[in-house]
């Protein structure tokens, strides 16, 4: 069936102007929201554990697991960087999950460098083939 502009694919759907259920409920709750919040707090304070948990989860959400860390491993070779990461891990400077993430990032960086080097070498080979070289003549690097 082809789409026709201005014609509904669901003609028996919700009529125009009818509010969504969530909007209706929100409109009903809005006038008494302060009282409901007060009641929820009272219930939590009286020992209602599920209500206490609900309030704490909404007001004080759990701390995100991944937080930025400030470590300096930007200098040196890739091997030196890996050794720095392992040293930080072994003396408790970073968590094992952080060390794994850093090592994975370092491995990706190594692959990028390898790719750049290969790309450079291929271009040099293509230029050599394109322009040709005479016998016994070497390409200097």
C-alpha atoms as a PDB file:
ATOM      1  CA  UNK A   1       0.000   0.000   0.000  1.00  0.00           C
ATOM      2  CA  UNK A   2       1.472   3.339  -1.026  1.00  0.00           C
ATOM      3  CA  UNK A   3       1.595   6.241   1.406  1.00  0.00           C
ATOM      4  CA  UNK A   4      -0.866   8.976   0.569  1.00  0.00           C
ATOM      5  CA  UNK A   5      -0.153  12.412   1.996  1.00  0.00           C
ATOM      6  CA  UNK A   6      -2.865  13.561   4.423  1.00  0.00           C
ATOM      7  CA  UNK A   7      -4.379  10.098   4.870  1.00  0.00           C
ATOM      8  CA  UNK A   8      -3.809   8.138   8.070  1.00  0.00           C
ATOM      9  CA  UNK A   9      -2.404   4.634   7.975  1.00  0.00           C
ATOM     10  CA  UNK A  10      -4.612   3.925  11.003  1.00  0.00           C
ATOM     11  CA  UNK A  11      -8.002   5.562  10.338  1.00  0.00           C
ATOM     12  CA  UNK A  12      -9.548   4.019  13.485  1.00  0.00           C
ATOM     13  CA  UNK A  13      -6.743   5.374  15.692  1.00  0.00           C
ATOM     14  CA  UNK A  14      -7.022   7.912  18.479  1.00  0.00           C
ATOM     15  CA  UNK A  15      -9.266  10.816  17.471  1.00  0.00           C
ATOM     16  CA  UNK A  16      -7.780  14.303  17.267  1.00  0.00           C
ATOM     17  CA  UNK A  17      -7.882  16.308  20.470  1.00  0.00           C
ATOM     18  CA  UNK A  18      -7.953  13.300  22.837  1.00  0.00           C
ATOM     19  CA  UNK A  19      -5.214  13.614  25.461  1.00  0.00           C
ATOM     20  CA  UNK A  20      -2.634  10.948  26.109  1.00  0.00           C
ATOM     21  CA  UNK A  21      -3.073   8.959  29.343  1.00  0.00           C
ATOM     22  CA  UNK A  22       0.160  10.330  30.795  1.00  0.00           C
ATOM     23  CA  UNK A  23      -1.018  13.887  30.212  1.00  0.00           C
ATOM     24  CA  UNK A  24      -4.340  13.147  31.917  1.00  0.00           C
ATOM     25  CA  UNK A  25      -2.593  11.602  34.949  1.00  0.00           C
ATOM     26  CA  UNK A  26      -0.087  14.450  35.136  1.00  0.00           C
ATOM     27  CA  UNK A  27      -2.943  16.971  35.107  1.00  0.00           C
ATOM     28  CA  UNK A  28      -4.679  15.078  37.957  1.00  0.00           C
ATOM     29  CA  UNK A  29      -1.542  14.831  40.119  1.00  0.00           C
ATOM     30  CA  UNK A  30      -0.182  18.355  39.592  1.00  0.00           C
ATOM     31  CA  UNK A  31      -2.545  20.144  42.058  1.00  0.00           C
ATOM     32  CA  UNK A  32      -1.676  17.742  44.902  1.00  0.00           C
ATOM     33  CA  UNK A  33       1.973  17.042  44.076  1.00  0.00           C
ATOM     34  CA  UNK A  34       3.327  18.816  47.177  1.00  0.00           C
ATOM     35  CA  UNK A  35       1.036  16.771  49.424  1.00  0.00           C
ATOM     36  CA  UNK A  36       2.030  13.523  47.680  1.00  0.00           C
ATOM     37  CA  UNK A  37       5.729  14.310  48.075  1.00  0.00           C
ATOM     38  CA  UNK A  38       5.160  15.134  51.757  1.00  0.00           C
ATOM     39  CA  UNK A  39       3.305  11.834  52.258  1.00  0.00           C
ATOM     40  CA  UNK A  40       6.088   9.894  50.528  1.00  0.00           C
ATOM     41  CA  UNK A  41       8.679  11.526  52.793  1.00  0.00           C
ATOM     42  CA  UNK A  42       6.567  10.759  55.882  1.00  0.00           C
ATOM     43  CA  UNK A  43       6.253   7.111  54.813  1.00  0.00           C
ATOM     44  CA  UNK A  44      10.006   6.860  54.255  1.00  0.00           C
ATOM     45  CA  UNK A  45      10.707   8.473  57.637  1.00  0.00           C
ATOM     46  CA  UNK A  46       8.297   6.011  59.317  1.00  0.00           C
ATOM     47  CA  UNK A  47      10.431   3.100  58.044  1.00  0.00           C
ATOM     48  CA  UNK A  48       8.765   2.203  54.753  1.00  0.00           C
ATOM     49  CA  UNK A  49      11.883   0.798  53.056  1.00  0.00           C
ATOM     50  CA  UNK A  50      10.523   0.636  49.487  1.00  0.00           C
ATOM     51  CA  UNK A  51       9.474   4.295  49.718  1.00  0.00           C
ATOM     52  CA  UNK A  52      12.837   5.265  51.202  1.00  0.00           C
ATOM     53  CA  UNK A  53      14.623   3.430  48.385  1.00  0.00           C
ATOM     54  CA  UNK A  54      12.409   5.094  45.776  1.00  0.00           C
ATOM     55  CA  UNK A  55      13.045   8.581  47.148  1.00  0.00           C
ATOM     56  CA  UNK A  56      16.791   8.035  47.434  1.00  0.00           C
ATOM     57  CA  UNK A  57      17.019   6.598  43.909  1.00  0.00           C
ATOM     58  CA  UNK A  58      15.139   9.578  42.472  1.00  0.00           C
ATOM     59  CA  UNK A  59      16.700  12.348  44.536  1.00  0.00           C
ATOM     60  CA  UNK A  60      20.221  10.926  44.882  1.00  0.00           C
ATOM     61  CA  UNK A  61      20.792   8.719  41.849  1.00  0.00           C
ATOM     62  CA  UNK A  62      23.616   6.218  41.980  1.00  0.00           C
ATOM     63  CA  UNK A  63      27.038   7.561  41.194  1.00  0.00           C
ATOM     64  CA  UNK A  64      28.031   6.770  37.623  1.00  0.00           C
ATOM     65  CA  UNK A  65      30.527   3.940  37.373  1.00  0.00           C
ATOM     66  CA  UNK A  66      32.724   5.638  34.826  1.00  0.00           C
ATOM     67  CA  UNK A  67      34.297   8.775  36.176  1.00  0.00           C
ATOM     68  CA  UNK A  68      37.045  10.738  34.492  1.00  0.00           C
ATOM     69  CA  UNK A  69      40.474  10.116  35.947  1.00  0.00           C
ATOM     70  CA  UNK A  70      43.540  12.304  35.732  1.00  0.00           C
ATOM     71  CA  UNK A  71      46.721  10.347  35.043  1.00  0.00           C
ATOM     72  CA  UNK A  72      49.706  11.316  32.958  1.00  0.00           C
ATOM     73  CA  UNK A  73      50.806   8.595  30.541  1.00  0.00           C
ATOM     74  CA  UNK A  74      51.189  10.781  27.468  1.00  0.00           C
ATOM     75  CA  UNK A  75      54.962  10.640  27.151  1.00  0.00           C
ATOM     76  CA  UNK A  76      57.284   7.945  25.919  1.00  0.00           C
ATOM     77  CA  UNK A  77      56.956   4.985  23.616  1.00  0.00           C
ATOM     78  CA  UNK A  78      53.961   2.679  23.559  1.00  0.00           C
ATOM     79  CA  UNK A  79      55.930   0.154  25.600  1.00  0.00           C
ATOM     80  CA  UNK A  80      56.773   2.836  28.193  1.00  0.00           C
ATOM     81  CA  UNK A  81      53.101   3.827  28.376  1.00  0.00           C
ATOM     82  CA  UNK A  82      52.074   0.196  28.898  1.00  0.00           C
ATOM     83  CA  UNK A  83      54.621  -0.148  31.692  1.00  0.00           C
ATOM     84  CA  UNK A  84      53.259   3.010  33.350  1.00  0.00           C
ATOM     85  CA  UNK A  85      49.730   1.582  33.225  1.00  0.00           C
ATOM     86  CA  UNK A  86      50.880  -1.733  34.726  1.00  0.00           C
ATOM     87  CA  UNK A  87      52.789   0.101  37.454  1.00  0.00           C
ATOM     88  CA  UNK A  88      49.698   2.172  38.331  1.00  0.00           C
ATOM     89  CA  UNK A  89      47.627  -1.020  38.443  1.00  0.00           C
ATOM     90  CA  UNK A  90      50.112  -2.912  40.604  1.00  0.00           C
ATOM     91  CA  UNK A  91      50.424  -0.175  43.235  1.00  0.00           C
ATOM     92  CA  UNK A  92      46.661   0.462  43.430  1.00  0.00           C
ATOM     93  CA  UNK A  93      46.720   3.766  41.545  1.00  0.00           C
ATOM     94  CA  UNK A  94      43.975   2.586  39.170  1.00  0.00           C
ATOM     95  CA  UNK A  95      41.354  -0.158  39.188  1.00  0.00           C
ATOM     96  CA  UNK A  96      41.741  -3.252  36.984  1.00  0.00           C
ATOM     97  CA  UNK A  97      38.825  -2.168  34.779  1.00  0.00           C
ATOM     98  CA  UNK A  98      40.472   1.213  34.212  1.00  0.00           C
ATOM     99  CA  UNK A  99      43.790  -0.486  33.413  1.00  0.00           C
ATOM    100  CA  UNK A 100      42.081  -2.735  30.880  1.00  0.00           C
ATOM    101  CA  UNK A 101      40.407   0.248  29.233  1.00  0.00           C
ATOM    102  CA  UNK A 102      43.725   2.113  29.060  1.00  0.00           C
ATOM    103  CA  UNK A 103      45.529  -0.907  27.614  1.00  0.00           C
ATOM    104  CA  UNK A 104      42.774  -1.362  25.007  1.00  0.00           C
ATOM    105  CA  UNK A 105      43.094   2.312  24.106  1.00  0.00           C
ATOM    106  CA  UNK A 106      46.848   1.945  23.842  1.00  0.00           C
ATOM    107  CA  UNK A 107      46.452  -1.111  21.579  1.00  0.00           C
ATOM    108  CA  UNK A 108      44.109   0.900  19.354  1.00  0.00           C
ATOM    109  CA  UNK A 109      46.652   3.709  19.225  1.00  0.00           C
ATOM    110  CA  UNK A 110      49.321   1.188  18.146  1.00  0.00           C
ATOM    111  CA  UNK A 111      47.052  -0.093  15.353  1.00  0.00           C
ATOM    112  CA  UNK A 112      46.457   3.489  14.169  1.00  0.00           C
ATOM    113  CA  UNK A 113      50.214   4.154  14.064  1.00  0.00           C
ATOM    114  CA  UNK A 114      50.767   0.889  12.180  1.00  0.00           C
ATOM    115  CA  UNK A 115      48.073   1.870   9.688  1.00  0.00           C
ATOM    116  CA  UNK A 116      49.622   5.306   9.154  1.00  0.00           C
ATOM    117  CA  UNK A 117      53.042   3.733   8.565  1.00  0.00           C
ATOM    118  CA  UNK A 118      51.623   1.201   6.107  1.00  0.00           C
ATOM    119  CA  UNK A 119      49.722   3.930   4.294  1.00  0.00           C
ATOM    120  CA  UNK A 120      52.924   5.969   3.976  1.00  0.00           C
ATOM    121  CA  UNK A 121      54.880   2.963   2.664  1.00  0.00           C
ATOM    122  CA  UNK A 122      52.172   2.130   0.109  1.00  0.00           C
ATOM    123  CA  UNK A 123      52.218   5.715  -1.168  1.00  0.00           C
ATOM    124  CA  UNK A 124      56.010   5.557  -1.516  1.00  0.00           C
ATOM    125  CA  UNK A 125      55.749   2.285  -3.435  1.00  0.00           C
ATOM    126  CA  UNK A 126      53.016   3.705  -5.677  1.00  0.00           C
ATOM    127  CA  UNK A 127      55.140   6.781  -6.431  1.00  0.00           C
ATOM    128  CA  UNK A 128      58.137   4.586  -7.176  1.00  0.00           C
ATOM    129  CA  UNK A 129      56.059   2.494  -9.591  1.00  0.00           C
ATOM    130  CA  UNK A 130      54.426   5.562 -11.118  1.00  0.00           C
ATOM    131  CA  UNK A 131      57.637   7.443 -11.835  1.00  0.00           C
ATOM    132  CA  UNK A 132      59.847   4.374 -12.190  1.00  0.00           C
ATOM    133  CA  UNK A 133      63.399   4.036 -11.093  1.00  0.00           C
ATOM    134  CA  UNK A 134      66.466   3.112 -13.093  1.00  0.00           C
ATOM    135  CA  UNK A 135      68.326  -0.121 -12.406  1.00  0.00           C
ATOM    136  CA  UNK A 136      70.799  -0.021  -9.529  1.00  0.00           C
ATOM    137  CA  UNK A 137      69.203   3.176  -8.211  1.00  0.00           C
ATOM    138  CA  UNK A 138      67.915   3.102  -4.658  1.00  0.00           C
ATOM    139  CA  UNK A 139      65.151   5.138  -3.153  1.00  0.00           C
ATOM    140  CA  UNK A 140      66.388   7.096  -0.175  1.00  0.00           C
ATOM    141  CA  UNK A 141      64.275   7.352   2.941  1.00  0.00           C
END
